[in-house]
Amino acid sequence: MLSNNLATIYHGNCLDLLPSVPDGTVDLIFADPPYNIGKSFGQFKDKWPSDQAYAEWCYSWLTLCLKKLKSTGSLYVMTSTQAMPYIDLWMRSQCTVQSRIVWHYDSSGVQARRYYGSMYEPILFCVKDPNSYTFNTDDIEVEARTGAVRKLIDYRKATPEPYKTTKVPGNVWYFPRVRYRMAEYEEHPSQKPEVLLERIIKASSNPGDLVLDPFAGTFTTCVVAQRLMRRTVGIEQEREYYKIGVRRLGLADELDGESLQPLDKSYVRKNGKQLPSGKDQGL
């Protein structure tokens, strides 16, 4: 375990470590578990014997997570499109599903030829009490084309006035996936973009609140939470990913006798010229 004044991170399995988090103390949980689709996460292979076995495993850690939430707390959970129906039905029996969010992104790599390729991942936004939970609309508003671009007038009101130029986002969110040349990129098979976590954390927590991620991966949740002045707890069982969290959160310069350095992202452009790390890191 390593920590600073805002972040505490643990190396281990969340089923073993979640019981040490006091019940009813967490304001927001973001859970992005393995999806049961066969990816390799360090030494761990993301594959269960059956869909039912995977679902039962999810229910075990979700039960623990719900115990940790305050009565006013929120939980966002992601999984594959194939597995989400299991999680959705189960969560409805445990709490209130406020929104079903689609994180839509651009395609890349080999394209599907005999079926419709997947270009989104589902997110459930759940709360313990639908009448009392944090949702900071002003912090996450986006441009409303009706008012900001088309500049239409709302004639339904007693005194006609322009439509608002901003609005709360709908439940389809477009954010690019994390690419190699992006500054935030780390070597992880399912890294989520900081802008995705920023929207979730701004919406469902306040400065000083406690944000928990039981599958921290590259610790993006913790990094964004710390930047936004939230307290945060991250749990990760793969040691190499844990080291990424230690570095990104500024908790130590070395671990296990290894100097923790950012990923060297030198690459060769189409003209054959290699650029040094950190140059031309745009999309």
Protein backbone atom coordinates (compact mmCIF):
# COMPACT_ATOMS: atom_id res chain seq x y z
CA MET A 1 0.00 0.00 0.00
CA LEU A 2 1.21 3.50 -0.89
CA SER A 3 -0.51 6.81 -0.29
CA ASN A 4 -0.36 10.60 -0.22
CA ASN A 5 -2.81 13.13 1.13
CA LEU A 6 -5.46 12.25 -1.51
CA ALA A 7 -4.65 8.85 -3.04
CA THR A 8 -4.23 5.40 -1.52
CA ILE A 9 -3.47 2.44 -3.75
CA TYR A 10 -3.28 -1.28 -3.01
CA HIS A 11 -1.65 -4.19 -4.80
CA GLY A 12 -3.89 -7.23 -4.59
CA ASN A 13 -7.22 -8.82 -5.47
CA CYS A 14 -10.25 -6.62 -4.85
CA LEU A 15 -12.17 -9.53 -3.31
CA ASP A 16 -9.46 -9.73 -0.65
CA LEU A 17 -8.98 -6.00 -0.14
CA LEU A 18 -12.49 -4.52 -0.42
CA PRO A 19 -13.52 -5.85 3.02
CA SER A 20 -10.87 -3.57 4.58
CA VAL A 21 -12.68 -0.48 3.23
CA PRO A 22 -15.21 0.62 5.89
CA ASP A 23 -18.84 0.13 4.89
CA GLY A 24 -20.84 3.24 3.98
CA THR A 25 -17.81 5.51 3.44
CA VAL A 26 -17.45 5.76 -0.35
CA ASP A 27 -19.16 8.46 -2.42
CA LEU A 28 -18.44 7.12 -5.90
CA ILE A 29 -17.28 3.79 -7.33
CA PHE A 30 -16.12 3.30 -10.90
CA ALA A 31 -15.69 -0.38 -11.77
CA ASP A 32 -14.14 -1.47 -15.05
CA PRO A 33 -13.48 -5.21 -14.59
CA PRO A 34 -12.09 -7.71 -17.08
CA TYR A 35 -14.78 -8.37 -19.71
CA ASN A 36 -14.47 -12.17 -20.14
CA ILE A 37 -13.39 -11.78 -23.76
CA GLY A 38 -9.97 -13.42 -23.64
CA LYS A 39 -7.59 -10.48 -23.25
CA SER A 40 -4.34 -10.83 -21.32
CA PHE A 41 -3.76 -8.48 -18.39
CA GLY A 42 -0.18 -9.18 -17.39
CA GLN A 43 -0.23 -12.68 -15.88
CA PHE A 44 -4.04 -12.81 -15.82
CA LYS A 45 -6.09 -14.27 -18.68
CA ASP A 46 -9.52 -12.66 -19.00
CA LYS A 47 -11.58 -15.82 -19.54
CA TRP A 48 -14.09 -17.64 -17.37
CA PRO A 49 -15.49 -21.17 -17.98
CA SER A 50 -18.93 -19.78 -18.86
CA ASP A 51 -20.98 -16.60 -18.99
CA GLN A 52 -22.72 -17.66 -15.79
CA ALA A 53 -19.41 -18.19 -13.97
CA TYR A 54 -18.31 -14.70 -15.02
CA ALA A 55 -21.61 -13.19 -13.90
CA GLU A 56 -21.37 -14.88 -10.49
CA TRP A 57 -17.85 -13.50 -10.06
CA CYS A 58 -19.16 -10.01 -10.88
CA TYR A 59 -21.98 -10.36 -8.36
CA SER A 60 -19.43 -11.20 -5.63
CA TRP A 61 -17.40 -7.99 -5.96
CA LEU A 62 -20.43 -5.84 -6.79
CA THR A 63 -22.02 -6.97 -3.51
CA LEU A 64 -18.93 -5.77 -1.66
CA CYS A 65 -18.87 -2.49 -3.59
CA LEU A 66 -22.48 -1.71 -2.74
CA LYS A 67 -21.72 -2.21 0.95
CA LYS A 68 -18.95 0.38 0.75
CA LEU A 69 -21.17 3.08 -0.79
CA LYS A 70 -22.79 5.76 1.31
CA SER A 71 -26.59 5.88 1.18
CA THR A 72 -26.14 8.85 -1.19
CA GLY A 73 -23.43 7.12 -3.23
CA SER A 74 -23.22 6.26 -6.93
CA LEU A 75 -21.68 3.34 -8.80
CA TYR A 76 -20.71 3.20 -12.46
CA VAL A 77 -19.95 -0.24 -13.85
CA MET A 78 -18.67 -1.29 -17.27
CA THR A 79 -18.43 -4.68 -18.95
CA SER A 80 -18.75 -6.20 -22.40
CA THR A 81 -21.90 -5.85 -24.46
CA GLN A 82 -22.36 -9.61 -24.11
CA ALA A 83 -22.18 -9.61 -20.31
CA MET A 84 -24.03 -6.38 -19.52
CA PRO A 85 -27.53 -7.95 -19.61
CA TYR A 86 -26.54 -10.19 -16.68
CA ILE A 87 -25.18 -7.23 -14.72
CA ASP A 88 -28.09 -4.95 -15.58
CA LEU A 89 -30.74 -7.40 -14.38
CA TRP A 90 -28.85 -8.16 -11.17
CA MET A 91 -28.17 -4.52 -10.36
CA ARG A 92 -31.85 -3.69 -10.73
CA SER A 93 -32.52 -6.05 -7.82
CA GLN A 94 -29.87 -4.36 -5.65
CA CYS A 95 -30.17 -0.63 -6.34
CA THR A 96 -31.56 1.84 -8.89
CA VAL A 97 -30.17 2.01 -12.42
CA GLN A 98 -30.46 5.71 -13.27
CA SER A 99 -28.94 5.63 -16.75
CA ARG A 100 -27.63 3.19 -19.32
CA ILE A 101 -24.74 4.95 -21.02
CA VAL A 102 -23.14 4.12 -24.35
CA TRP A 103 -19.47 5.05 -24.67
CA HIS A 104 -19.10 5.32 -28.45
CA TYR A 105 -15.71 5.50 -30.13
CA ASP A 106 -14.05 5.33 -33.52
CA SER A 107 -13.17 2.02 -35.10
CA SER A 108 -9.63 0.81 -35.72
CA GLY A 109 -7.71 -2.28 -36.70
CA VAL A 110 -9.35 -5.23 -38.47
CA GLN A 111 -12.95 -4.48 -39.40
CA ALA A 112 -15.81 -6.98 -39.12
CA ARG A 113 -16.96 -8.54 -42.42
CA ARG A 114 -19.68 -11.00 -41.46
CA TYR A 115 -21.33 -9.11 -38.60
CA TYR A 116 -21.72 -5.54 -37.28
CA GLY A 117 -18.49 -4.58 -35.55
CA SER A 118 -18.61 -3.26 -32.01
CA MET A 119 -17.97 0.46 -31.66
CA TYR A 120 -19.22 1.06 -28.13
CA GLU A 121 -19.02 -0.15 -24.55
CA PRO A 122 -21.94 0.02 -22.10
CA ILE A 123 -21.87 1.75 -18.72
CA LEU A 124 -24.49 1.48 -15.98
CA PHE A 125 -24.98 4.50 -13.71
CA CYS A 126 -26.51 3.23 -10.46
CA VAL A 127 -27.48 4.88 -7.18
CA LYS A 128 -28.51 3.56 -3.79
CA ASP A 129 -31.21 6.17 -3.25
CA PRO A 130 -32.86 7.67 -6.36
CA ASN A 131 -34.14 10.55 -4.23
CA SER A 132 -30.77 11.53 -2.75
CA TYR A 133 -27.52 11.35 -4.72
CA THR A 134 -24.88 13.69 -6.13
CA PHE A 135 -25.30 14.88 -9.71
CA ASN A 136 -23.54 18.14 -10.57
CA THR A 137 -25.23 19.20 -13.78
CA ASP A 138 -23.42 22.55 -14.05
CA ASP A 139 -20.04 20.80 -14.01
CA ILE A 140 -20.70 18.56 -17.01
CA GLU A 141 -22.88 20.60 -19.37
CA VAL A 142 -22.01 20.49 -23.05
CA GLU A 143 -22.93 22.65 -26.02
CA ALA A 144 -26.61 22.51 -27.02
CA ARG A 145 -26.77 22.87 -30.78
CA THR A 146 -30.33 24.20 -30.69
CA GLY A 147 -29.28 27.27 -28.73
CA ALA A 148 -25.56 27.61 -29.35
CA VAL A 149 -25.37 26.87 -33.08
CA ARG A 150 -28.83 27.19 -34.56
CA LYS A 151 -29.75 30.02 -32.15
CA LEU A 152 -33.44 29.08 -32.17
CA ILE A 153 -36.04 30.92 -30.11
CA ASP A 154 -38.34 29.15 -27.66
CA TYR A 155 -41.79 30.58 -28.42
CA ARG A 156 -43.54 28.33 -25.90
CA LYS A 157 -42.73 30.72 -23.07
CA ALA A 158 -44.80 33.81 -22.18
CA THR A 159 -41.84 35.92 -23.25
CA PRO A 160 -39.98 34.17 -26.11
CA GLU A 161 -36.27 33.77 -25.46
CA PRO A 162 -33.33 31.89 -27.01
CA TYR A 163 -32.85 28.26 -26.07
CA LYS A 164 -30.06 27.53 -23.60
CA THR A 165 -26.64 27.21 -25.17
CA THR A 166 -25.65 24.30 -22.90
CA LYS A 167 -27.28 21.09 -21.70
CA VAL A 168 -26.62 17.96 -19.65
CA PRO A 169 -25.11 15.28 -21.93
CA GLY A 170 -27.38 12.52 -23.16
CA ASN A 171 -26.53 8.87 -22.60
CA VAL A 172 -24.44 8.42 -25.78
CA TRP A 173 -20.93 9.72 -25.19
CA TYR A 174 -18.32 10.03 -27.90
CA PHE A 175 -14.75 9.98 -26.63
CA PRO A 176 -11.81 8.60 -28.65
CA ARG A 177 -10.10 5.55 -27.24
CA VAL A 178 -6.63 6.05 -25.79
CA ARG A 179 -4.13 5.88 -28.64
CA TYR A 180 -0.39 5.23 -28.57
CA ARG A 181 0.53 8.81 -29.43
CA MET A 182 -1.65 10.34 -26.72
CA ALA A 183 0.20 11.69 -23.67
CA GLU A 184 -1.90 9.58 -21.28
CA TYR A 185 -1.24 6.27 -23.07
CA GLU A 186 0.12 3.35 -21.00
CA GLU A 187 0.72 -0.28 -21.95
CA HIS A 188 -2.61 -1.81 -20.95
CA PRO A 189 -5.18 -3.61 -23.15
CA SER A 190 -8.24 -1.66 -22.03
CA GLN A 191 -7.16 1.76 -20.78
CA LYS A 192 -10.05 4.21 -20.47
CA PRO A 193 -9.64 7.88 -21.48
CA GLU A 194 -9.24 10.55 -18.83
CA VAL A 195 -12.07 12.62 -20.33
CA LEU A 196 -14.50 9.76 -19.69
CA LEU A 197 -13.54 9.55 -16.03
CA GLU A 198 -13.52 13.32 -15.70
CA ARG A 199 -17.18 13.52 -16.69
CA ILE A 200 -18.16 10.74 -14.29
CA ILE A 201 -16.18 12.10 -11.35
CA LYS A 202 -17.33 15.69 -11.85
CA ALA A 203 -20.96 14.60 -12.14
CA SER A 204 -21.15 12.18 -9.23
CA SER A 205 -18.76 13.49 -6.59
CA ASN A 206 -17.56 16.69 -4.96
CA PRO A 207 -14.11 17.89 -3.86
CA GLY A 208 -13.09 15.96 -0.77
CA ASP A 209 -15.36 13.00 -1.57
CA LEU A 210 -13.99 9.45 -1.70
CA VAL A 211 -13.76 7.75 -5.11
CA LEU A 212 -13.01 4.01 -5.31
CA ASP A 213 -11.80 1.94 -8.27
CA PRO A 214 -11.56 -1.83 -7.53
CA PHE A 215 -9.94 -2.62 -10.92
CA ALA A 216 -7.57 0.31 -11.20
CA GLY A 217 -5.53 -0.83 -14.23
CA THR A 218 -3.47 2.21 -15.21
CA PHE A 219 -5.09 4.14 -12.32
CA THR A 220 -6.80 6.67 -14.56
CA THR A 221 -9.70 6.96 -12.10
CA CYS A 222 -7.31 7.80 -9.28
CA VAL A 223 -5.27 10.21 -11.40
CA VAL A 224 -8.34 12.18 -12.46
CA ALA A 225 -9.87 12.08 -8.97
CA GLN A 226 -6.65 13.42 -7.45
CA ARG A 227 -6.47 16.18 -10.07
CA LEU A 228 -10.05 17.16 -9.17
CA MET A 229 -9.23 17.20 -5.44
CA ARG A 230 -11.16 14.06 -4.55
CA ARG A 231 -9.79 11.46 -2.18
CA THR A 232 -9.32 8.17 -3.98
CA VAL A 233 -8.62 4.48 -3.43
CA GLY A 234 -7.41 2.18 -6.21
CA ILE A 235 -6.92 -1.60 -6.15
CA GLU A 236 -4.92 -3.51 -8.76
CA GLN A 237 -3.69 -7.10 -8.69
CA GLU A 238 -1.12 -6.96 -11.51
CA ARG A 239 2.20 -5.65 -10.20
CA GLU A 240 3.28 -3.97 -13.45
CA TYR A 241 0.04 -1.98 -13.60
CA TYR A 242 0.39 -1.12 -9.92
CA LYS A 243 3.78 0.41 -10.74
CA ILE A 244 2.10 2.57 -13.38
CA GLY A 245 -0.23 3.88 -10.69
CA VAL A 246 2.62 4.60 -8.32
CA ARG A 247 4.33 6.66 -11.03
CA ARG A 248 1.25 8.47 -12.37
CA LEU A 249 0.13 9.48 -8.88
CA GLY A 250 3.61 10.62 -7.87
CA LEU A 251 3.77 8.23 -4.91
CA ALA A 252 7.34 7.03 -5.46
CA ASP A 253 10.21 7.29 -7.95
CA GLU A 254 11.11 3.61 -7.72
CA LEU A 255 9.55 0.33 -6.67
CA ASP A 256 10.95 -3.20 -6.40
CA GLY A 257 14.38 -1.76 -7.16
CA GLU A 258 13.13 -0.36 -10.48
CA SER A 259 13.18 3.29 -11.48
CA LEU A 260 9.64 4.25 -12.51
CA GLN A 261 9.90 6.05 -15.82
CA PRO A 262 7.19 7.13 -18.31
CA LEU A 263 6.75 4.91 -21.33
CA ASP A 264 9.25 5.63 -24.11
CA LYS A 265 6.97 6.34 -27.07
CA SER A 266 9.45 6.90 -29.87
CA TYR A 267 7.93 6.07 -33.23
CA VAL A 268 8.71 6.23 -36.91
CA ARG A 269 6.68 8.53 -39.17
CA LYS A 270 5.68 7.60 -42.69
CA ASN A 271 8.63 9.58 -44.05
CA GLY A 272 10.90 7.18 -42.17
CA LYS A 273 12.15 9.74 -39.66
CA GLN A 274 12.06 8.69 -36.04
CA LEU A 275 10.94 11.35 -33.60
CA PRO A 276 12.16 11.43 -29.99
CA SER A 277 9.76 10.63 -27.15
CA GLY A 278 7.27 13.32 -26.26
CA LYS A 279 7.31 14.99 -29.69
CA ASP A 280 4.21 15.29 -31.85
CA GLN A 281 2.02 13.31 -29.47
CA GLY A 282 -1.27 14.50 -30.94
CA LEU A 283 -3.95 12.33 -32.47
